[in-house]
C-alpha atoms as a PDB file:
ATOM      1  CA  MET A   1      -0.114   0.003  -0.156  1.00  0.00           C
ATOM      2  CA  THR A   2       1.262   3.536  -0.946  1.00  0.00           C
ATOM      3  CA  VAL A   3       0.071   6.609   0.502  1.00  0.00           C
ATOM      4  CA  HIS A   4       0.235   9.752  -1.572  1.00  0.00           C
ATOM      5  CA  ALA A   5      -1.017  13.176  -1.397  1.00  0.00           C
ATOM      6  CA  HIS A   6      -2.197  14.189  -4.851  1.00  0.00           C
ATOM      7  CA  PRO A   7      -2.924  12.496  -8.156  1.00  0.00           C
ATOM      8  CA  ASP A   8       0.585  12.562 -10.010  1.00  0.00           C
ATOM      9  CA  ASP A   9       2.443  11.493  -6.996  1.00  0.00           C
ATOM     10  CA  GLU A  10       1.957   8.063  -7.585  1.00  0.00           C
ATOM     11  CA  ALA A  11       3.777   8.301 -10.859  1.00  0.00           C
ATOM     12  CA  SER A  12       6.709  10.458  -9.687  1.00  0.00           C
ATOM     13  CA  LYS A  13       7.385   8.600  -6.428  1.00  0.00           C
ATOM     14  CA  GLY A  14       8.113   4.948  -6.289  1.00  0.00           C
ATOM     15  CA  ALA A  15       6.189   3.939  -9.401  1.00  0.00           C
ATOM     16  CA  SER A  16       8.839   1.518 -10.568  1.00  0.00           C
ATOM     17  CA  THR A  17       8.847  -0.281  -7.267  1.00  0.00           C
ATOM     18  CA  VAL A  18       5.021  -0.771  -7.366  1.00  0.00           C
ATOM     19  CA  ALA A  19       5.294  -1.850 -10.945  1.00  0.00           C
ATOM     20  CA  LYS A  20       7.729  -4.431 -10.052  1.00  0.00           C
ATOM     21  CA  ALA A  21       5.829  -5.906  -7.100  1.00  0.00           C
ATOM     22  CA  HIS A  22       2.732  -5.791  -9.276  1.00  0.00           C
ATOM     23  CA  ALA A  23       4.500  -7.800 -11.949  1.00  0.00           C
ATOM     24  CA  VAL A  24       5.530 -10.490  -9.649  1.00  0.00           C
ATOM     25  CA  GLY A  25       1.888 -10.979  -8.220  1.00  0.00           C
ATOM     26  CA  VAL A  26       1.897  -8.635  -5.226  1.00  0.00           C
ATOM     27  CA  HIS A  27      -1.637  -6.967  -4.531  1.00  0.00           C
ATOM     28  CA  THR A  28      -0.800  -3.280  -4.923  1.00  0.00           C
ATOM     29  CA  VAL A  29      -2.977  -0.586  -3.355  1.00  0.00           C
ATOM     30  CA  LEU A  30      -2.558   3.145  -3.808  1.00  0.00           C
ATOM     31  CA  VAL A  31      -4.289   5.626  -1.341  1.00  0.00           C
ATOM     32  CA  CYS A  32      -4.735   8.941  -2.721  1.00  0.00           C
ATOM     33  CA  CYS A  33      -5.518  11.524   0.123  1.00  0.00           C
ATOM     34  CA  THR A  34      -6.735  14.329  -2.266  1.00  0.00           C
ATOM     35  CA  GLY A  35      -8.390  15.415  -5.568  1.00  0.00           C
ATOM     36  CA  GLY A  36      -5.609  17.505  -6.633  1.00  0.00           C
ATOM     37  CA  GLU A  37      -8.185  20.552  -7.209  1.00  0.00           C
ATOM     38  CA  ALA A  38      -5.505  23.111  -6.283  1.00  0.00           C
ATOM     39  CA  GLY A  39      -2.522  21.584  -8.638  1.00  0.00           C
ATOM     40  CA  ASP A  40      -0.886  23.824 -11.238  1.00  0.00           C
ATOM     41  CA  ILE A  41      -0.793  22.960 -14.916  1.00  0.00           C
ATOM     42  CA  LEU A  42       2.551  22.765 -16.134  1.00  0.00           C
ATOM     43  CA  ASN A  43       1.905  21.717 -19.782  1.00  0.00           C
ATOM     44  CA  PRO A  44       1.003  24.788 -21.685  1.00  0.00           C
ATOM     45  CA  ALA A  45      -0.914  22.707 -24.329  1.00  0.00           C
ATOM     46  CA  MET A  46      -3.313  21.828 -21.403  1.00  0.00           C
ATOM     47  CA  ASP A  47      -3.363  25.467 -19.894  1.00  0.00           C
ATOM     48  CA  THR A  48      -6.999  26.071 -21.221  1.00  0.00           C
ATOM     49  CA  ASP A  49     -10.272  27.635 -19.803  1.00  0.00           C
ATOM     50  CA  GLU A  50     -11.828  24.307 -20.381  1.00  0.00           C
ATOM     51  CA  VAL A  51      -9.176  22.176 -18.528  1.00  0.00           C
ATOM     52  CA  ARG A  52      -9.149  24.668 -15.607  1.00  0.00           C
ATOM     53  CA  ALA A  53     -13.169  24.727 -15.325  1.00  0.00           C
ATOM     54  CA  ARG A  54     -12.672  20.843 -14.612  1.00  0.00           C
ATOM     55  CA  LEU A  55      -9.275  20.321 -13.142  1.00  0.00           C
ATOM     56  CA  HIS A  56     -10.394  17.765 -10.633  1.00  0.00           C
ATOM     57  CA  ALA A  57     -11.955  15.349 -13.211  1.00  0.00           C
ATOM     58  CA  VAL A  58      -8.814  15.769 -15.576  1.00  0.00           C
ATOM     59  CA  ARG A  59      -6.615  14.661 -12.685  1.00  0.00           C
ATOM     60  CA  MET A  60      -9.097  11.891 -11.649  1.00  0.00           C
ATOM     61  CA  ASP A  61      -8.725  10.586 -15.402  1.00  0.00           C
ATOM     62  CA  GLU A  62      -4.862  10.907 -15.190  1.00  0.00           C
ATOM     63  CA  LEU A  63      -4.650   9.058 -11.835  1.00  0.00           C
ATOM     64  CA  ALA A  64      -6.841   6.294 -13.234  1.00  0.00           C
ATOM     65  CA  GLU A  65      -4.745   5.862 -16.423  1.00  0.00           C
ATOM     66  CA  ALA A  66      -1.396   6.163 -14.343  1.00  0.00           C
ATOM     67  CA  ALA A  67      -2.868   3.492 -12.013  1.00  0.00           C
ATOM     68  CA  ARG A  68      -3.400   1.207 -14.781  1.00  0.00           C
ATOM     69  CA  ILE A  69       0.038   1.773 -16.543  1.00  0.00           C
ATOM     70  CA  ILE A  70       1.963   1.348 -13.111  1.00  0.00           C
ATOM     71  CA  GLY A  71      -0.017  -1.783 -12.120  1.00  0.00           C
ATOM     72  CA  TYR A  72      -2.141  -0.731  -9.080  1.00  0.00           C
ATOM     73  CA  ASP A  73      -4.709  -3.347  -8.502  1.00  0.00           C
ATOM     74  CA  GLU A  74      -6.871  -0.675  -6.499  1.00  0.00           C
ATOM     75  CA  VAL A  75      -7.073   3.055  -5.725  1.00  0.00           C
ATOM     76  CA  ILE A  76      -8.683   4.214  -2.658  1.00  0.00           C
ATOM     77  CA  MET A  77      -9.481   7.991  -2.349  1.00  0.00           C
ATOM     78  CA  LEU A  78      -9.510   9.143   1.067  1.00  0.00           C
ATOM     79  CA  GLY A  79     -11.850  12.173  -0.009  1.00  0.00           C
ATOM     80  CA  TYR A  80      -9.997  15.285   1.090  1.00  0.00           C
ATOM     81  CA  ARG A  81      -9.575  18.407  -1.051  1.00  0.00           C
ATOM     82  CA  ASP A  82      -6.174  19.509  -2.239  1.00  0.00           C
ATOM     83  CA  SER A  83      -4.749  22.142   0.284  1.00  0.00           C
ATOM     84  CA  GLY A  84      -2.743  23.966  -1.990  1.00  0.00           C
ATOM     85  CA  MET A  85       0.386  26.090  -0.475  1.00  0.00           C
ATOM     86  CA  PRO A  86       0.477  27.914   2.748  1.00  0.00           C
ATOM     87  CA  GLU A  87      -1.168  31.230   2.715  1.00  0.00           C
ATOM     88  CA  THR A  88      -3.638  30.504  -0.051  1.00  0.00           C
ATOM     89  CA  ASP A  89      -7.513  30.161  -0.267  1.00  0.00           C
ATOM     90  CA  ASP A  90      -7.032  26.400  -0.838  1.00  0.00           C
ATOM     91  CA  ASN A  91      -5.089  26.005   2.282  1.00  0.00           C
ATOM     92  CA  VAL A  92      -7.852  27.177   4.494  1.00  0.00           C
ATOM     93  CA  HIS A  93     -10.646  25.576   2.561  1.00  0.00           C
ATOM     94  CA  PRO A  94     -12.746  23.690   5.086  1.00  0.00           C
ATOM     95  CA  GLU A  95     -12.642  20.613   3.166  1.00  0.00           C
ATOM     96  CA  SER A  96      -8.765  20.853   2.415  1.00  0.00           C
ATOM     97  CA  PHE A  97      -6.481  17.907   3.851  1.00  0.00           C
ATOM     98  CA  ALA A  98      -4.699  20.617   5.998  1.00  0.00           C
ATOM     99  CA  GLN A  99      -7.567  21.389   7.672  1.00  0.00           C
ATOM    100  CA  ALA A 100      -8.995  17.985   8.504  1.00  0.00           C
ATOM    101  CA  PRO A 101      -8.855  16.964  12.095  1.00  0.00           C
ATOM    102  CA  LEU A 102      -5.948  14.764  12.457  1.00  0.00           C
ATOM    103  CA  GLU A 103      -7.781  11.709  14.284  1.00  0.00           C
ATOM    104  CA  GLU A 104     -10.575  11.774  11.447  1.00  0.00           C
ATOM    105  CA  ALA A 105      -7.911  11.647   8.603  1.00  0.00           C
ATOM    106  CA  VAL A 106      -6.037   8.813  10.607  1.00  0.00           C
ATOM    107  CA  GLY A 107      -9.209   7.071  10.902  1.00  0.00           C
ATOM    108  CA  ARG A 108      -9.675   7.083   7.369  1.00  0.00           C
ATOM    109  CA  LEU A 109      -6.456   5.586   6.631  1.00  0.00           C
ATOM    110  CA  VAL A 110      -6.817   3.172   9.232  1.00  0.00           C
ATOM    111  CA  LYS A 111     -10.072   1.900   7.755  1.00  0.00           C
ATOM    112  CA  ALA A 112      -8.101   1.403   4.338  1.00  0.00           C
ATOM    113  CA  ILE A 113      -5.387  -0.472   6.271  1.00  0.00           C
ATOM    114  CA  ARG A 114      -7.727  -2.844   7.923  1.00  0.00           C
ATOM    115  CA  ASP A 115      -9.680  -3.510   4.843  1.00  0.00           C
ATOM    116  CA  GLU A 116      -6.864  -4.095   2.587  1.00  0.00           C
ATOM    117  CA  ARG A 117      -4.423  -5.844   5.252  1.00  0.00           C
ATOM    118  CA  PRO A 118      -1.167  -4.734   3.661  1.00  0.00           C
ATOM    119  CA  HIS A 119       2.165  -6.096   4.816  1.00  0.00           C
ATOM    120  CA  VAL A 120       4.079  -3.156   3.673  1.00  0.00           C
ATOM    121  CA  ILE A 121       3.026   0.506   3.620  1.00  0.00           C
ATOM    122  CA  VAL A 122       5.165   3.277   1.576  1.00  0.00           C
ATOM    123  CA  THR A 123       4.585   6.872   2.369  1.00  0.00           C
ATOM    124  CA  TYR A 124       6.719  10.102   2.714  1.00  0.00           C
ATOM    125  CA  ALA A 125       9.414  10.792   5.110  1.00  0.00           C
ATOM    126  CA  HIS A 126       9.198  13.668   7.931  1.00  0.00           C
ATOM    127  CA  ASP A 127      11.929  15.764   6.172  1.00  0.00           C
ATOM    128  CA  GLN A 128      10.096  17.646   3.431  1.00  0.00           C
ATOM    129  CA  ASP A 129      12.322  20.766   3.297  1.00  0.00           C
ATOM    130  CA  GLY A 130      12.852  20.485  -0.503  1.00  0.00           C
ATOM    131  CA  TYR A 131       9.081  20.701  -1.078  1.00  0.00           C
ATOM    132  CA  PRO A 132       7.061  21.422   2.090  1.00  0.00           C
ATOM    133  CA  HIS A 133       3.569  21.189   0.648  1.00  0.00           C
ATOM    134  CA  PRO A 134       1.024  20.890   3.471  1.00  0.00           C
ATOM    135  CA  ASP A 135      -0.767  17.844   2.068  1.00  0.00           C
ATOM    136  CA  HIS A 136       2.688  15.986   1.810  1.00  0.00           C
ATOM    137  CA  LEU A 137       3.454  16.837   5.342  1.00  0.00           C
ATOM    138  CA  ARG A 138      -0.098  15.621   6.415  1.00  0.00           C
ATOM    139  CA  VAL A 139       0.512  12.330   4.574  1.00  0.00           C
ATOM    140  CA  HIS A 140       3.431  11.666   6.697  1.00  0.00           C
ATOM    141  CA  GLU A 141       1.654  12.429   9.853  1.00  0.00           C
ATOM    142  CA  ILE A 142      -1.467  10.326   9.196  1.00  0.00           C
ATOM    143  CA  SER A 143       0.842   7.549   7.958  1.00  0.00           C
ATOM    144  CA  ILE A 144       2.898   7.244  11.036  1.00  0.00           C
ATOM    145  CA  GLU A 145      -0.268   7.373  13.250  1.00  0.00           C
ATOM    146  CA  ALA A 146      -2.240   4.901  11.150  1.00  0.00           C
ATOM    147  CA  PHE A 147       0.500   2.382  11.000  1.00  0.00           C
ATOM    148  CA  ARG A 148       0.589   2.588  14.778  1.00  0.00           C
ATOM    149  CA  ALA A 149      -3.199   2.470  15.367  1.00  0.00           C
ATOM    150  CA  ALA A 150      -4.392   0.024  12.746  1.00  0.00           C
ATOM    151  CA  GLY A 151      -3.010  -2.924  14.848  1.00  0.00           C
ATOM    152  CA  ASP A 152      -4.237  -1.578  18.225  1.00  0.00           C
ATOM    153  CA  PRO A 153      -7.670  -2.942  19.077  1.00  0.00           C
ATOM    154  CA  LYS A 154      -8.479  -0.292  21.342  1.00  0.00           C
ATOM    155  CA  ARG A 155      -8.042   2.480  18.720  1.00  0.00           C
ATOM    156  CA  TYR A 156     -10.903   3.068  16.289  1.00  0.00           C
ATOM    157  CA  PRO A 157     -12.639  -0.353  17.161  1.00  0.00           C
ATOM    158  CA  GLU A 158     -15.571   0.560  14.984  1.00  0.00           C
ATOM    159  CA  LEU A 159     -13.369   0.428  11.775  1.00  0.00           C
ATOM    160  CA  GLY A 160     -12.825  -3.221  11.468  1.00  0.00           C
ATOM    161  CA  GLU A 161     -10.647  -6.008  12.793  1.00  0.00           C
ATOM    162  CA  PRO A 162      -7.083  -4.853  13.921  1.00  0.00           C
ATOM    163  CA  TRP A 163      -4.330  -5.397  11.385  1.00  0.00           C
ATOM    164  CA  GLN A 164      -0.534  -4.486  11.796  1.00  0.00           C
ATOM    165  CA  PRO A 165       1.499  -3.941   8.730  1.00  0.00           C
ATOM    166  CA  LEU A 166       5.004  -5.404   9.128  1.00  0.00           C
ATOM    167  CA  LYS A 167       7.060  -2.545   7.481  1.00  0.00           C
ATOM    168  CA  LEU A 168       6.835   1.401   6.708  1.00  0.00           C
ATOM    169  CA  TYR A 169       9.064   2.428   4.002  1.00  0.00           C
ATOM    170  CA  TYR A 170       9.621   6.191   2.971  1.00  0.00           C
ATOM    171  CA  VAL A 171      10.164   7.328  -0.758  1.00  0.00           C
ATOM    172  CA  LEU A 172      12.964   9.248  -1.591  1.00  0.00           C
ATOM    173  CA  TRP A 173      14.510  10.695  -4.799  1.00  0.00           C
ATOM    174  CA  THR A 174      18.095   9.839  -5.244  1.00  0.00           C
ATOM    175  CA  ARG A 175      20.952  12.427  -5.812  1.00  0.00           C
ATOM    176  CA  ALA A 176      21.597  10.822  -9.168  1.00  0.00           C
ATOM    177  CA  ARG A 177      17.774  11.329 -10.357  1.00  0.00           C
ATOM    178  CA  ILE A 178      17.889  15.082  -9.197  1.00  0.00           C
ATOM    179  CA  GLN A 179      21.221  15.529 -10.951  1.00  0.00           C
ATOM    180  CA  ALA A 180      19.824  14.021 -14.178  1.00  0.00           C
ATOM    181  CA  MET A 181      16.665  16.370 -14.053  1.00  0.00           C
ATOM    182  CA  HIS A 182      18.802  19.224 -13.281  1.00  0.00           C
ATOM    183  CA  GLU A 183      21.181  18.593 -16.526  1.00  0.00           C
ATOM    184  CA  GLN A 184      18.111  17.778 -18.625  1.00  0.00           C
ATOM    185  CA  PHE A 185      16.546  21.164 -17.685  1.00  0.00           C
ATOM    186  CA  LEU A 186      19.732  22.877 -18.656  1.00  0.00           C
ATOM    187  CA  ALA A 187      20.111  20.969 -21.832  1.00  0.00           C
ATOM    188  CA  LEU A 188      16.681  22.071 -22.921  1.00  0.00           C
ATOM    189  CA  GLY A 189      17.727  25.778 -22.140  1.00  0.00           C
ATOM    190  CA  LEU A 190      15.292  25.849 -19.298  1.00  0.00           C
ATOM    191  CA  GLU A 191      15.803  27.301 -15.645  1.00  0.00           C
ATOM    192  CA  SER A 192      16.226  24.251 -13.382  1.00  0.00           C
ATOM    193  CA  PRO A 193      14.190  24.160 -10.222  1.00  0.00           C
ATOM    194  CA  PHE A 194      16.934  21.977  -8.653  1.00  0.00           C
ATOM    195  CA  ASP A 195      19.433  24.290  -7.169  1.00  0.00           C
ATOM    196  CA  TRP A 196      22.413  23.814  -4.770  1.00  0.00           C
ATOM    197  CA  LYS A 197      19.907  22.921  -1.857  1.00  0.00           C
ATOM    198  CA  TRP A 198      18.875  19.627  -3.547  1.00  0.00           C
ATOM    199  CA  CYS A 199      22.224  18.214  -4.043  1.00  0.00           C
END
């Protein structure tokens, strides 16, 4: 089971590991915490009024196709709205992931864990200095707490039989990947977002 913040994170963080696991018969489940409503449109060809008006639907379609290509057997939406970045309207939206009560959000993930009974959970590390998105930070918080709570019969007893996953891993970008992306930006004559703080 992987736990991601937005549609597109499943494709940029750990996709090859999931694809390999699926290819050898491991049941793979993606938990996506938000619908990506506050996402940026980076492809100029897609930056149209029509796409902006239905961004959530576009991102759901993209998520479904990415999950199919990667090899996820199931996608579970946790049901929160994208929180956007700090000090934005999206960040204080009452339905945003950042505004959700922690215990409620943990409970939703505990339910998914107990229903799916994964042996391994893959999520984000606590160190998000390179990209401190509120939703990525919240994913770490709920993943750690749900990993502990899912196997505890005293916590969330109404959410099914306890199940304790065996392992918890964090996704990371390697230095080699960051360096390769940086060099490709430069080769294309573009400004690289990967400055010295990334390497």
